[in-house]
Structures are given as structure tokens and as C-alpha cells.
Amino acid sequence: MNRHSLVQKALGAAALIASAALPGAPPAAAPAKIGFVYVGPVGNAGWTFQHDVARRQMEKEMGGKVTTTFVENVPEGADSERVIREMARSGCKVVFCTSFGYMNPTLAVAKAYPNTVFMHATGYKTAPNVGVYNARFYEARYLCGVMAGRLTRSHVAGIVAAFPIPEVVMGINAFTRGMRSVDPKARVKVIWTNSWFDPGKEREAALTLITQGADMMTHDTDSTAVIQAAEEKGVGVFGYNSDEAKFGPRATLTSLVHLWGNYYTRTVKAALAGTWKPENVWGGFNQGMIALAPFGPKVPKELGASILKLRDQISAGKFHPFAGPVVDQAGTVRVPAGKTISDADLDKMNYYVEGVDGVMPKA
């Protein structure tokens, strides 16, 4: 390149810089604002923690194109509507509402803000600007049940559960079916806390179940209280939401881990590109939305290998935790042999399968 060309290039660059500084020049696009509404504290484990891990992953992967905000400890109901509405009013392009009880509040706010995308976790109602997303937790629950059936000595497992909604009920039933697939004598006992996050209630429930003979424990609540109680009492336990092994290193056999980050990134990219459409996403192992944490020291290598093999069969669609026959507590066949339960029936599951003790409470 000759001297004349170099001078011309320098002058051109200077002109571009000068024009960018002119009052009439269009400003650089500001990062899009993305909001998250959390039902519990972020903490260092659990349901809300995993969503926040995903939020940070998405923000990093978007490379400065977005900025995120969140509000934690938002009760389900009227208060959640206030928080969701404020996020939309503040200019959030996308609002992720991360608890089942936010469903109707989300729909109410969405009507008033048609240009905002709302995504509701674990719900089932959509609208022109509202999508729903969930993970097939029951796939991993079944595997945990199989492990419990292989390792139990008392033939009793205990589950500390939050609310009797279908996603929780199907998790209890999947765990029970997995356990009884290898231990027909197995019984599963359930205590409901009627709260997503209440460490005191969760601990009390766990200790009660252990005194009732449970030597295998799990939960779907948001704190680590059940893991810690199991560690103290020396019984096996399966973590939920995130890898909870550090809270019970001797007792934890594995954890069901939720993976939301890739989904959040895809959704935000689509919303910013103008290609987003309301959808109902329900992903499991195959879609990378759930995983099993590394197995604990009390899991024999042979058992671990067989669990991973079964996981791969579920991921490939070669095995379904609710393949018939599915029989409820009363002996009624809900899914006949040779059939597999439909997603529609899973989404409204309101009964216990055989092997679960107690009476199903009303949601």
C-alpha cells in the first residue's frame, strides 16, 4: 500500500470517528434488559440457585447484548403479579417467571404488555406473548428410585414434597416405580410441607420419615435441609435441583440436576431477533435439560454403570418410566400393558401409584 493510500485510510477513519460524535448520529444499541422472578433465595443450591446459574450463563454467552435483573423470595400470588408487572414496566424485553404459582399472574401482566415476552416455568397455559417450559424431572426420578431399590435394607424410602401438583406427583410416582422395579417390597412414604422453601419444616419432615424406617430419602423442596438430615442420620439421600453432595458428602448417592442455561440463551436470542413464538417446551435427558450428578462413594461401580445405561435408553426413547402397566393405589390400571402414558395424562397426574403410602392431598 502506497503513502497516498495510507493517508486516505487515516482520513477516512477520522471522518468516521467524527461523524459518530455528531449530535445527529444514531446511538449505539443499549443492551436488552432481561428479568427473572425467583420464588426462593438464590443461596448456594436448589431450584432458584439453578435458575440463577442459568441466568449468569446466558448473560455471559450473549456477550454484552443483554443485561439481567432478578428479584428473589417472591411469594406466589398477588405479590408476584406486582413484581412481574414492574419488570415489564421497567422495559424488560423478556421476563422469566420461574415458579408454578406465577402462572395466572404472568398471564394477567402479559395482556397489558403485548410487546414483552413472558416465559413461565412448569406451567401449562400459553398466550400470544407467553410461553411455558419445563424439564422431565421424572426421568431422573425413576433412575434414583432404581438406585434406592438396589441399596435399601429397610425397603422404605421417604420423600419430602412441597405441593401436590402434577410435576411433583409424577416425580413421586416415578421414583416409586423405579424402586419397585428392582424391589417389589418397597414402600414410599411422603410428607407434604406445603411450601417450596421452609428449611425447618423440611428438616422435621425428613427426621420423621427416617424414624418411620426410611433409609433412602429425597425431596423436591428448595433447601438442603433433607440432605443435611440424611447426613446426620446416616441414611442414603438423593439431591434435587442442583448437585447437593457437598451438604451431605457421605449420604448423597447422586442428585437430579436442572440445566436451564442453554434454553435461556436460545430463548433470548430468538426474542431479540424477532423470531420468538409461544411454545410449550418439555425437555429431559435428550434435550440436555436434566442430568445426574456424579455418584457418591456408596454407589457400587456396577450399579452406577447400569444406571447410566438405563439413562441412555431413556434419552434414546427406548424406555419410558411410565410404560404400562401403570397401576394406582386402588389397583386401577391407569395405563395398560403395551401402552405408554401420554404427556397430556402426565400433565394432570393426580393419583399415587401402587407402593406409595398415604392419601393423596388435594392441590
Protein backbone atom coordinates (compact mmCIF):
# COMPACT_ATOMS: atom_id res chain seq x y z
CA MET A 1 0.00 0.00 0.00
CA ASN A 2 1.49 3.44 -1.02
CA ARG A 3 1.74 6.56 1.13
CA HIS A 4 -1.28 8.17 -0.58
CA SER A 5 -3.46 5.16 0.28
CA LEU A 6 -2.34 5.22 3.91
CA VAL A 7 -3.22 8.90 4.20
CA GLN A 8 -6.63 8.36 2.64
CA LYS A 9 -7.32 5.43 5.01
CA ALA A 10 -6.37 7.53 8.04
CA LEU A 11 -8.57 10.40 6.92
CA GLY A 12 -11.48 8.04 6.36
CA ALA A 13 -11.15 6.58 9.84
CA ALA A 14 -11.01 10.06 11.36
CA ALA A 15 -14.15 11.04 9.47
CA LEU A 16 -15.99 8.00 10.81
CA ILE A 17 -14.99 8.83 14.37
CA ALA A 18 -16.04 12.44 13.92
CA SER A 19 -19.42 11.52 12.44
CA ALA A 20 -20.11 9.12 15.30
CA ALA A 21 -19.65 12.02 17.70
CA LEU A 22 -22.09 14.31 15.89
CA PRO A 23 -25.35 15.06 17.75
CA GLY A 24 -27.42 13.56 14.96
CA ALA A 25 -25.55 10.23 14.83
CA PRO A 26 -27.61 7.20 15.96
CA PRO A 27 -26.52 5.99 19.43
CA ALA A 28 -25.13 2.51 19.93
CA ALA A 29 -27.84 -0.02 20.78
CA ALA A 30 -28.26 -0.41 24.53
CA PRO A 31 -28.20 -3.94 25.97
CA ALA A 32 -31.63 -5.54 26.15
CA LYS A 33 -32.96 -5.93 29.68
CA ILE A 34 -33.96 -9.45 30.76
CA GLY A 35 -35.82 -10.12 34.02
CA PHE A 36 -36.07 -13.13 36.32
CA VAL A 37 -38.59 -13.69 39.13
CA TYR A 38 -37.49 -16.21 41.79
CA VAL A 39 -39.69 -17.92 44.37
CA GLY A 40 -36.84 -18.55 46.83
CA PRO A 41 -33.45 -17.13 47.76
CA VAL A 42 -30.59 -17.62 45.31
CA GLY A 43 -28.45 -19.25 48.01
CA ASN A 44 -25.85 -21.83 47.02
CA ALA A 45 -28.02 -24.79 46.00
CA GLY A 46 -31.56 -25.63 44.97
CA TRP A 47 -34.23 -24.66 42.45
CA THR A 48 -33.67 -20.92 42.49
CA PHE A 49 -29.89 -21.34 42.56
CA GLN A 50 -30.01 -23.38 39.35
CA HIS A 51 -32.09 -20.75 37.59
CA ASP A 52 -29.62 -18.11 38.67
CA VAL A 53 -26.69 -20.19 37.41
CA ALA A 54 -28.53 -20.32 34.09
CA ARG A 55 -29.19 -16.57 34.13
CA ARG A 56 -25.48 -15.87 34.54
CA GLN A 57 -24.59 -18.39 31.84
CA MET A 58 -27.00 -16.78 29.40
CA GLU A 59 -25.75 -13.28 30.18
CA LYS A 60 -22.16 -14.35 29.57
CA GLU A 61 -22.98 -16.15 26.33
CA MET A 62 -24.88 -13.14 25.00
CA GLY A 63 -21.65 -11.13 25.19
CA GLY A 64 -22.88 -7.71 26.28
CA LYS A 65 -26.07 -7.75 24.23
CA VAL A 66 -28.17 -8.10 27.37
CA THR A 67 -28.24 -7.04 30.96
CA THR A 68 -30.19 -9.06 33.54
CA THR A 69 -32.07 -8.29 36.71
CA PHE A 70 -33.78 -10.56 39.24
CA VAL A 71 -35.97 -10.43 42.33
CA GLU A 72 -35.74 -13.32 44.78
CA ASN A 73 -38.12 -14.56 47.52
CA VAL A 74 -41.25 -13.54 45.59
CA PRO A 75 -44.35 -15.29 47.00
CA GLU A 76 -46.75 -16.92 44.57
CA GLY A 77 -49.93 -14.92 44.13
CA ALA A 78 -50.66 -11.17 44.19
CA ASP A 79 -47.13 -10.14 45.13
CA SER A 80 -45.69 -12.00 42.16
CA GLU A 81 -48.02 -10.10 39.81
CA ARG A 82 -46.72 -6.83 41.22
CA VAL A 83 -43.08 -7.85 40.65
CA ILE A 84 -43.72 -9.22 37.14
CA ARG A 85 -45.61 -6.06 36.20
CA GLU A 86 -42.80 -3.84 37.46
CA MET A 87 -40.27 -5.77 35.38
CA ALA A 88 -42.36 -5.32 32.25
CA ARG A 89 -42.91 -1.63 33.05
CA SER A 90 -39.17 -1.11 33.50
CA GLY A 91 -38.53 -2.22 29.92
CA CYS A 92 -37.57 -5.88 30.19
CA LYS A 93 -37.63 -7.49 26.76
CA VAL A 94 -38.09 -10.96 28.28
CA VAL A 95 -39.32 -11.91 31.75
CA PHE A 96 -38.73 -15.44 33.08
CA CYS A 97 -41.23 -16.38 35.80
CA THR A 98 -39.73 -19.39 37.50
CA SER A 99 -42.41 -20.97 39.69
CA PHE A 100 -45.66 -22.84 39.04
CA GLY A 101 -47.76 -20.43 41.12
CA TYR A 102 -46.77 -17.50 38.90
CA MET A 103 -48.88 -18.80 36.04
CA ASN A 104 -52.04 -16.71 36.34
CA PRO A 105 -50.19 -13.54 37.45
CA THR A 106 -47.94 -13.91 34.39
CA LEU A 107 -50.93 -14.19 32.07
CA ALA A 108 -52.56 -11.14 33.66
CA VAL A 109 -49.47 -8.96 33.17
CA ALA A 110 -48.87 -10.28 29.65
CA LYS A 111 -52.22 -8.87 28.49
CA ALA A 112 -51.11 -5.39 29.47
CA TYR A 113 -47.65 -5.69 27.86
CA PRO A 114 -48.13 -7.41 24.49
CA ASN A 115 -44.64 -6.46 23.26
CA THR A 116 -42.88 -8.20 26.14
CA VAL A 117 -42.07 -11.92 26.01
CA PHE A 118 -43.00 -13.83 29.16
CA MET A 119 -41.73 -17.34 29.86
CA HIS A 120 -43.33 -19.35 32.67
CA ALA A 121 -41.56 -22.32 34.21
CA THR A 122 -43.56 -25.53 34.86
CA GLY A 123 -46.90 -24.08 33.81
CA TYR A 124 -49.32 -25.18 31.10
CA LYS A 125 -51.12 -22.02 29.91
CA THR A 126 -49.80 -20.03 26.96
CA ALA A 127 -50.78 -16.77 25.26
CA PRO A 128 -49.57 -14.83 22.19
CA ASN A 129 -46.65 -13.48 24.24
CA VAL A 130 -46.43 -16.20 26.91
CA GLY A 131 -44.56 -19.49 26.55
CA VAL A 132 -44.05 -22.28 29.06
CA TYR A 133 -41.08 -24.51 29.72
CA ASN A 134 -40.32 -27.44 31.99
CA ALA A 135 -37.95 -30.36 32.38
CA ARG A 136 -38.84 -34.04 32.50
CA PHE A 137 -37.70 -34.46 36.08
CA TYR A 138 -39.47 -37.79 36.29
CA GLU A 139 -36.86 -39.40 34.02
CA ALA A 140 -34.11 -38.91 36.59
CA ARG A 141 -36.50 -39.60 39.47
CA TYR A 142 -37.06 -43.08 38.09
CA LEU A 143 -33.31 -43.73 37.98
CA CYS A 144 -32.92 -42.53 41.56
CA GLY A 145 -35.69 -44.94 42.52
CA VAL A 146 -33.87 -47.83 40.88
CA MET A 147 -30.74 -46.94 42.84
CA ALA A 148 -32.78 -46.73 46.04
CA GLY A 149 -34.28 -50.16 45.39
CA ARG A 150 -30.82 -51.68 44.94
CA LEU A 151 -29.34 -50.09 48.05
CA THR A 152 -32.18 -50.09 50.59
CA ARG A 153 -32.18 -52.51 53.52
CA SER A 154 -35.44 -51.42 55.11
CA HIS A 155 -37.44 -51.43 51.83
CA VAL A 156 -38.72 -47.96 52.81
CA ALA A 157 -37.97 -44.62 51.19
CA GLY A 158 -39.11 -41.16 52.28
CA ILE A 159 -39.92 -38.12 50.15
CA VAL A 160 -40.30 -34.57 51.46
CA ALA A 161 -42.64 -32.91 48.97
CA ALA A 162 -43.81 -29.31 48.52
CA PHE A 163 -47.21 -29.10 46.81
CA PRO A 164 -49.40 -31.87 45.27
CA ILE A 165 -49.22 -30.54 41.71
CA PRO A 166 -48.73 -32.89 38.75
CA GLU A 167 -44.98 -32.32 38.28
CA VAL A 168 -44.37 -33.23 41.94
CA VAL A 169 -46.78 -36.17 41.92
CA MET A 170 -45.24 -37.66 38.78
CA GLY A 171 -41.82 -37.39 40.44
CA ILE A 172 -43.04 -39.32 43.48
CA ASN A 173 -44.65 -41.94 41.25
CA ALA A 174 -41.59 -42.27 39.00
CA PHE A 175 -39.30 -42.75 41.99
CA THR A 176 -41.67 -45.37 43.40
CA ARG A 177 -41.91 -47.26 40.13
CA GLY A 178 -38.14 -47.23 39.77
CA MET A 179 -37.66 -48.53 43.30
CA ARG A 180 -40.27 -51.27 42.98
CA SER A 181 -38.90 -52.36 39.60
CA VAL A 182 -35.98 -53.91 41.50
CA ASP A 183 -37.51 -54.26 44.99
CA PRO A 184 -41.19 -55.30 44.82
CA LYS A 185 -41.45 -54.98 48.61
CA ALA A 186 -40.54 -51.30 48.55
CA ARG A 187 -42.82 -48.69 50.10
CA VAL A 188 -42.54 -44.93 49.70
CA LYS A 189 -43.75 -42.54 52.39
CA VAL A 190 -44.47 -38.87 51.66
CA ILE A 191 -44.73 -35.82 53.89
CA TRP A 192 -46.00 -32.57 52.36
CA THR A 193 -44.63 -29.23 53.58
CA ASN A 194 -46.97 -27.01 51.52
CA SER A 195 -44.02 -24.75 50.87
CA TRP A 196 -41.24 -24.62 48.31
CA PHE A 197 -38.73 -23.29 50.81
CA ASP A 198 -39.00 -23.87 54.54
CA PRO A 199 -35.83 -25.46 55.95
CA GLY A 200 -37.39 -26.02 59.36
CA LYS A 201 -40.40 -27.92 58.02
CA GLU A 202 -38.23 -29.84 55.58
CA ARG A 203 -35.84 -30.98 58.29
CA GLU A 204 -38.69 -32.00 60.61
CA ALA A 205 -40.35 -33.97 57.81
CA ALA A 206 -37.10 -35.73 56.92
CA LEU A 207 -36.41 -36.75 60.51
CA THR A 208 -39.98 -38.05 60.86
CA LEU A 209 -39.64 -40.20 57.75
CA ILE A 210 -36.33 -41.59 58.97
CA THR A 211 -37.90 -42.57 62.29
CA GLN A 212 -40.61 -44.35 60.25
CA GLY A 213 -37.95 -46.61 58.75
CA ALA A 214 -36.85 -44.78 55.61
CA ASP A 215 -33.20 -45.50 54.81
CA MET A 216 -33.45 -43.78 51.41
CA MET A 217 -34.52 -40.14 51.20
CA THR A 218 -35.19 -37.47 48.60
CA HIS A 219 -37.10 -34.19 48.25
CA ASP A 220 -38.42 -31.63 45.78
CA THR A 221 -38.19 -28.66 48.11
CA ASP A 222 -35.68 -25.85 47.68
CA SER A 223 -33.37 -26.05 50.70
CA THR A 224 -30.65 -28.54 51.64
CA ALA A 225 -32.32 -29.49 54.93
CA VAL A 226 -33.22 -33.03 53.81
CA ILE A 227 -29.67 -33.69 52.63
CA GLN A 228 -28.24 -32.48 55.92
CA ALA A 229 -30.69 -34.54 57.98
CA ALA A 230 -29.81 -37.67 56.00
CA GLU A 231 -26.11 -37.00 56.52
CA GLU A 232 -26.63 -36.70 60.27
CA LYS A 233 -28.65 -39.91 60.48
CA GLY A 234 -26.51 -41.96 58.11
CA VAL A 235 -29.16 -42.78 55.51
CA GLY A 236 -28.88 -42.57 51.73
CA VAL A 237 -30.22 -39.46 50.02
CA PHE A 238 -30.78 -38.14 46.51
CA GLY A 239 -30.34 -34.43 45.92
CA TYR A 240 -32.71 -32.36 43.82
CA ASN A 241 -32.41 -29.21 41.71
CA SER A 242 -28.62 -28.97 41.93
CA ASP A 243 -25.68 -31.16 42.95
CA GLU A 244 -26.08 -31.20 46.72
CA ALA A 245 -23.26 -33.60 47.57
CA LYS A 246 -21.23 -31.01 49.45
CA PHE A 247 -24.02 -30.74 52.02
CA GLY A 248 -24.03 -34.49 52.64
CA PRO A 249 -20.83 -35.97 51.21
CA ARG A 250 -21.24 -39.39 52.82
CA ALA A 251 -25.01 -39.74 52.42
CA THR A 252 -25.58 -38.34 48.92
CA LEU A 253 -25.87 -41.05 46.26
CA THR A 254 -26.46 -38.66 43.34
CA SER A 255 -28.55 -35.57 42.57
CA LEU A 256 -31.05 -34.69 39.88
CA VAL A 257 -29.60 -31.53 38.35
CA HIS A 258 -31.65 -29.00 36.37
CA LEU A 259 -29.94 -27.34 33.40
CA TRP A 260 -31.68 -24.20 32.14
CA GLY A 261 -28.80 -22.16 30.71
CA ASN A 262 -28.81 -23.27 27.06
CA TYR A 263 -32.58 -22.90 26.91
CA TYR A 264 -32.41 -19.36 28.31
CA THR A 265 -29.79 -18.39 25.75
CA ARG A 266 -31.83 -19.79 22.84
CA THR A 267 -34.99 -18.06 24.04
CA VAL A 268 -33.37 -14.66 24.50
CA LYS A 269 -31.65 -14.85 21.11
CA ALA A 270 -34.98 -15.62 19.45
CA ALA A 271 -36.74 -12.78 21.27
CA LEU A 272 -34.08 -10.25 20.26
CA ALA A 273 -34.11 -11.50 16.67
CA GLY A 274 -37.89 -11.21 16.46
CA THR A 275 -38.29 -14.93 15.71
CA TRP A 276 -39.69 -15.99 19.10
CA LYS A 277 -43.06 -17.73 19.14
CA PRO A 278 -45.05 -19.03 22.14
CA GLU A 279 -44.25 -22.67 22.76
CA ASN A 280 -44.55 -25.43 25.33
CA VAL A 281 -41.09 -26.91 25.90
CA TRP A 282 -40.67 -30.07 27.97
CA GLY A 283 -37.12 -31.41 27.81
CA GLY A 284 -35.36 -34.29 29.52
CA PHE A 285 -32.04 -36.08 29.21
CA ASN A 286 -32.20 -36.00 25.44
CA GLN A 287 -32.59 -32.22 25.33
CA GLY A 288 -29.91 -31.58 27.95
CA MET A 289 -32.32 -30.05 30.47
CA ILE A 290 -31.61 -32.56 33.25
CA ALA A 291 -28.62 -34.60 34.34
CA LEU A 292 -27.44 -36.88 37.12
CA ALA A 293 -24.63 -35.58 39.30
CA PRO A 294 -21.55 -37.79 39.88
CA PHE A 295 -22.33 -40.83 42.02
CA GLY A 296 -21.37 -40.84 45.67
CA PRO A 297 -18.88 -43.18 47.34
CA LYS A 298 -21.60 -45.60 48.48
CA VAL A 299 -22.72 -46.39 44.92
CA PRO A 300 -21.05 -49.58 43.63
CA LYS A 301 -19.42 -49.18 40.20
CA GLU A 302 -21.58 -51.91 38.69
CA LEU A 303 -24.75 -50.19 39.88
CA GLY A 304 -23.56 -46.84 38.57
CA ALA A 305 -22.82 -48.34 35.16
CA SER A 306 -26.27 -49.95 34.95
CA ILE A 307 -27.95 -46.65 35.88
CA LEU A 308 -26.09 -44.80 33.15
CA LYS A 309 -27.06 -47.47 30.64
CA LEU A 310 -30.73 -47.07 31.60
CA ARG A 311 -30.34 -43.28 31.40
CA ASP A 312 -29.13 -43.65 27.82
CA GLN A 313 -32.11 -45.86 26.99
CA ILE A 314 -34.48 -43.20 28.34
CA SER A 315 -32.65 -40.49 26.41
CA ALA A 316 -32.91 -42.50 23.19
CA GLY A 317 -36.63 -43.10 23.67
CA LYS A 318 -36.17 -46.84 24.14
CA PHE A 319 -37.57 -46.87 27.68
CA HIS A 320 -40.20 -44.77 29.44
CA PRO A 321 -40.64 -44.66 33.25
CA PHE A 322 -44.41 -44.80 32.80
CA ALA A 323 -44.64 -47.60 30.25
CA GLY A 324 -47.66 -49.75 31.11
CA PRO A 325 -48.93 -51.32 33.11
CA VAL A 326 -49.27 -48.36 35.47
CA VAL A 327 -51.47 -49.24 38.43
CA ASP A 328 -52.64 -46.83 41.12
CA GLN A 329 -53.02 -47.37 44.87
CA ALA A 330 -56.56 -48.72 44.49
CA GLY A 331 -55.46 -51.31 41.95
CA THR A 332 -56.95 -49.46 38.99
CA VAL A 333 -54.98 -49.79 35.78
CA ARG A 334 -54.21 -46.27 34.59
CA VAL A 335 -52.00 -47.31 31.67
CA PRO A 336 -52.46 -50.81 30.22
CA ALA A 337 -49.61 -53.12 29.31
CA GLY A 338 -48.14 -52.36 25.93
CA LYS A 339 -49.04 -48.66 26.15
CA THR A 340 -47.11 -45.63 27.39
CA ILE A 341 -48.65 -42.75 29.28
CA SER A 342 -49.28 -39.63 27.21
CA ASP A 343 -47.83 -36.23 28.04
CA ALA A 344 -51.38 -34.96 28.48
CA ASP A 345 -52.06 -37.57 31.18
CA LEU A 346 -48.73 -36.89 32.86
CA ASP A 347 -49.60 -33.19 32.98
CA LYS A 348 -52.74 -33.90 35.02
CA MET A 349 -51.43 -36.77 37.18
CA ASN A 350 -53.32 -36.63 40.49
CA TYR A 351 -53.00 -40.13 41.91
CA TYR A 352 -50.39 -42.25 43.66
CA VAL A 353 -49.16 -45.43 42.04
CA GLU A 354 -49.07 -48.68 43.98
CA GLY A 355 -46.29 -48.65 46.51
CA VAL A 356 -46.89 -45.13 47.81
CA ASP A 357 -48.35 -44.98 51.32
CA GLY A 358 -50.89 -42.40 52.43
CA VAL A 359 -53.71 -40.47 50.84
CA MET A 360 -53.20 -38.00 48.02
CA PRO A 361 -53.97 -34.48 49.34
CA LYS A 362 -55.92 -32.01 47.27
CA ALA A 363 -53.85 -29.41 45.42
